[in-house]
Amino acid sequence: MNTTDDIRLLYCTCPDTETAQKIARALVESKQAACVNIVPGLRSIYHWKGEVQEDAECLLLIKTQAPRVTSVTESILSLHPYELPEVIAVPVIAGYAPYLDWVRDNST
């Protein structure tokens, strides 16, 4: 299968590397995600409860299949300390076919 209709990339911000590692490891160990990259050094500026906030965060880049998005989201919500965690899934529109096959094989 060379199409990418079934592959998703999820974004999730975390307050620190410890939280990011805990979530990433849980997702990969349970095979809900084939791979999770942790990108440290993020600076987020956002509105929250009527005020502009600014915080250091880490970004998770989560590679999985479309049918896993709900379970990945549920796992994130169960492990995440934020009241309202960012979980955004976007479709992958192109990619290296052998890599996409690897994502499929490792997010079962």
C-alpha atoms as a PDB file:
ATOM      1  CA  MET A   1       0.000   0.000   0.000  1.00  0.00           C
ATOM      2  CA  ASN A   2       1.590   3.291  -1.096  1.00  0.00           C
ATOM      3  CA  THR A   3      -1.264   5.586  -0.211  1.00  0.00           C
ATOM      4  CA  THR A   4      -1.080   7.703   2.908  1.00  0.00           C
ATOM      5  CA  ASP A   5      -4.828   7.872   3.667  1.00  0.00           C
ATOM      6  CA  ASP A   6      -4.341   5.846   6.830  1.00  0.00           C
ATOM      7  CA  ILE A   7      -1.285   7.630   8.298  1.00  0.00           C
ATOM      8  CA  ARG A   8      -1.593  10.441  10.855  1.00  0.00           C
ATOM      9  CA  LEU A   9       0.826  12.796  12.557  1.00  0.00           C
ATOM     10  CA  LEU A  10      -0.340  14.016  15.957  1.00  0.00           C
ATOM     11  CA  TYR A  11       0.983  17.074  17.754  1.00  0.00           C
ATOM     12  CA  CYS A  12       0.949  17.316  21.523  1.00  0.00           C
ATOM     13  CA  THR A  13       2.709  19.849  23.731  1.00  0.00           C
ATOM     14  CA  CYS A  14       3.986  18.874  27.184  1.00  0.00           C
ATOM     15  CA  PRO A  15       5.188  20.986  30.102  1.00  0.00           C
ATOM     16  CA  ASP A  16       8.564  19.215  30.434  1.00  0.00           C
ATOM     17  CA  THR A  17      10.723  16.391  29.097  1.00  0.00           C
ATOM     18  CA  GLU A  18       9.724  14.017  31.903  1.00  0.00           C
ATOM     19  CA  THR A  19       6.047  14.229  30.915  1.00  0.00           C
ATOM     20  CA  ALA A  20       6.947  14.020  27.221  1.00  0.00           C
ATOM     21  CA  GLN A  21       9.061  10.901  27.765  1.00  0.00           C
ATOM     22  CA  LYS A  22       6.361   9.226  29.871  1.00  0.00           C
ATOM     23  CA  ILE A  23       3.703   9.789  27.198  1.00  0.00           C
ATOM     24  CA  ALA A  24       6.013   8.890  24.287  1.00  0.00           C
ATOM     25  CA  ARG A  25       7.164   5.656  25.914  1.00  0.00           C
ATOM     26  CA  ALA A  26       3.603   4.610  26.785  1.00  0.00           C
ATOM     27  CA  LEU A  27       2.413   5.166  23.222  1.00  0.00           C
ATOM     28  CA  VAL A  28       5.299   3.280  21.622  1.00  0.00           C
ATOM     29  CA  GLU A  29       5.358   0.411  24.136  1.00  0.00           C
ATOM     30  CA  SER A  30       1.621  -0.162  23.629  1.00  0.00           C
ATOM     31  CA  LYS A  31       2.125   0.024  19.823  1.00  0.00           C
ATOM     32  CA  GLN A  32      -0.429   2.829  19.547  1.00  0.00           C
ATOM     33  CA  ALA A  33       2.323   4.787  17.799  1.00  0.00           C
ATOM     34  CA  ALA A  34       5.262   3.605  15.732  1.00  0.00           C
ATOM     35  CA  CYS A  35       7.434   6.521  16.770  1.00  0.00           C
ATOM     36  CA  VAL A  36       7.254   9.644  18.895  1.00  0.00           C
ATOM     37  CA  ASN A  37       9.772  12.462  18.529  1.00  0.00           C
ATOM     38  CA  ILE A  38      10.322  14.764  21.479  1.00  0.00           C
ATOM     39  CA  VAL A  39      11.253  18.302  20.453  1.00  0.00           C
ATOM     40  CA  PRO A  40      12.545  20.293  23.446  1.00  0.00           C
ATOM     41  CA  GLY A  41      13.011  24.036  23.667  1.00  0.00           C
ATOM     42  CA  LEU A  42       9.562  25.108  22.538  1.00  0.00           C
ATOM     43  CA  ARG A  43       8.268  28.458  23.748  1.00  0.00           C
ATOM     44  CA  SER A  44       4.471  28.800  23.693  1.00  0.00           C
ATOM     45  CA  ILE A  45       2.529  32.047  23.955  1.00  0.00           C
ATOM     46  CA  TYR A  46      -1.215  31.572  24.238  1.00  0.00           C
ATOM     47  CA  HIS A  47      -4.486  32.806  25.713  1.00  0.00           C
ATOM     48  CA  TRP A  48      -5.646  30.964  28.821  1.00  0.00           C
ATOM     49  CA  LYS A  49      -8.487  31.970  31.110  1.00  0.00           C
ATOM     50  CA  GLY A  50      -8.522  35.556  29.893  1.00  0.00           C
ATOM     51  CA  GLU A  51      -4.785  36.190  30.078  1.00  0.00           C
ATOM     52  CA  VAL A  52      -1.815  35.832  27.770  1.00  0.00           C
ATOM     53  CA  GLN A  53       0.527  33.127  29.082  1.00  0.00           C
ATOM     54  CA  GLU A  54       4.070  32.191  28.106  1.00  0.00           C
ATOM     55  CA  ASP A  55       5.668  28.847  28.967  1.00  0.00           C
ATOM     56  CA  ALA A  56       8.498  26.520  28.021  1.00  0.00           C
ATOM     57  CA  GLU A  57       7.191  23.268  26.558  1.00  0.00           C
ATOM     58  CA  CYS A  58       8.223  20.173  24.605  1.00  0.00           C
ATOM     59  CA  LEU A  59       6.470  19.061  21.439  1.00  0.00           C
ATOM     60  CA  LEU A  60       5.573  15.458  20.697  1.00  0.00           C
ATOM     61  CA  LEU A  61       5.372  14.388  17.039  1.00  0.00           C
ATOM     62  CA  ILE A  62       3.440  11.133  17.088  1.00  0.00           C
ATOM     63  CA  LYS A  63       3.325   8.849  14.023  1.00  0.00           C
ATOM     64  CA  THR A  64       0.411   6.421  13.884  1.00  0.00           C
ATOM     65  CA  GLN A  65      -2.498   5.169  11.791  1.00  0.00           C
ATOM     66  CA  ALA A  66      -5.880   6.865  11.500  1.00  0.00           C
ATOM     67  CA  PRO A  67      -7.769   4.135  13.403  1.00  0.00           C
ATOM     68  CA  ARG A  68      -5.413   4.686  16.381  1.00  0.00           C
ATOM     69  CA  VAL A  69      -6.076   8.427  16.792  1.00  0.00           C
ATOM     70  CA  THR A  70      -8.856   7.937  19.341  1.00  0.00           C
ATOM     71  CA  SER A  71      -6.866   5.522  21.511  1.00  0.00           C
ATOM     72  CA  VAL A  72      -3.746   7.707  21.282  1.00  0.00           C
ATOM     73  CA  THR A  73      -5.802  10.724  22.347  1.00  0.00           C
ATOM     74  CA  GLU A  74      -7.322   8.799  25.264  1.00  0.00           C
ATOM     75  CA  SER A  75      -3.883   7.659  26.416  1.00  0.00           C
ATOM     76  CA  ILE A  76      -2.525  11.199  26.224  1.00  0.00           C
ATOM     77  CA  LEU A  77      -5.463  12.527  28.239  1.00  0.00           C
ATOM     78  CA  SER A  78      -4.928   9.882  30.926  1.00  0.00           C
ATOM     79  CA  LEU A  79      -1.221  10.733  31.315  1.00  0.00           C
ATOM     80  CA  HIS A  80      -1.136  14.484  30.669  1.00  0.00           C
ATOM     81  CA  PRO A  81      -1.119  17.016  33.531  1.00  0.00           C
ATOM     82  CA  TYR A  82      -2.763  19.857  31.582  1.00  0.00           C
ATOM     83  CA  GLU A  83      -6.433  20.649  32.063  1.00  0.00           C
ATOM     84  CA  LEU A  84      -6.708  21.069  28.280  1.00  0.00           C
ATOM     85  CA  PRO A  85      -3.859  19.297  26.452  1.00  0.00           C
ATOM     86  CA  GLU A  86      -3.172  20.042  22.822  1.00  0.00           C
ATOM     87  CA  VAL A  87      -3.853  16.965  20.697  1.00  0.00           C
ATOM     88  CA  ILE A  88      -4.087  17.678  16.977  1.00  0.00           C
ATOM     89  CA  ALA A  89      -4.073  15.004  14.267  1.00  0.00           C
ATOM     90  CA  VAL A  90      -3.211  15.836  10.682  1.00  0.00           C
ATOM     91  CA  PRO A  91      -3.274  13.540   7.666  1.00  0.00           C
ATOM     92  CA  VAL A  92       0.008  12.671   5.990  1.00  0.00           C
ATOM     93  CA  ILE A  93      -0.375  13.504   2.312  1.00  0.00           C
ATOM     94  CA  ALA A  94       2.939  12.094   1.083  1.00  0.00           C
ATOM     95  CA  GLY A  95       5.896  10.161   2.384  1.00  0.00           C
ATOM     96  CA  TYR A  96       8.570   7.592   1.704  1.00  0.00           C
ATOM     97  CA  ALA A  97       6.620   4.365   1.120  1.00  0.00           C
ATOM     98  CA  PRO A  98       8.932   2.044   3.099  1.00  0.00           C
ATOM     99  CA  TYR A  99       8.763   4.406   6.089  1.00  0.00           C
ATOM    100  CA  LEU A 100       4.972   4.580   5.890  1.00  0.00           C
ATOM    101  CA  ASP A 101       4.856   0.782   5.779  1.00  0.00           C
ATOM    102  CA  TRP A 102       7.038   0.726   8.902  1.00  0.00           C
ATOM    103  CA  VAL A 103       4.578   3.073  10.647  1.00  0.00           C
ATOM    104  CA  ARG A 104       1.754   0.713   9.722  1.00  0.00           C
ATOM    105  CA  ASP A 105       3.681  -2.331  10.964  1.00  0.00           C
ATOM    106  CA  ASN A 106       4.548  -0.714  14.283  1.00  0.00           C
ATOM    107  CA  SER A 107       1.270   0.949  15.250  1.00  0.00           C
ATOM    108  CA  THR A 108      -1.007  -2.033  15.336  1.00  0.00           C
END
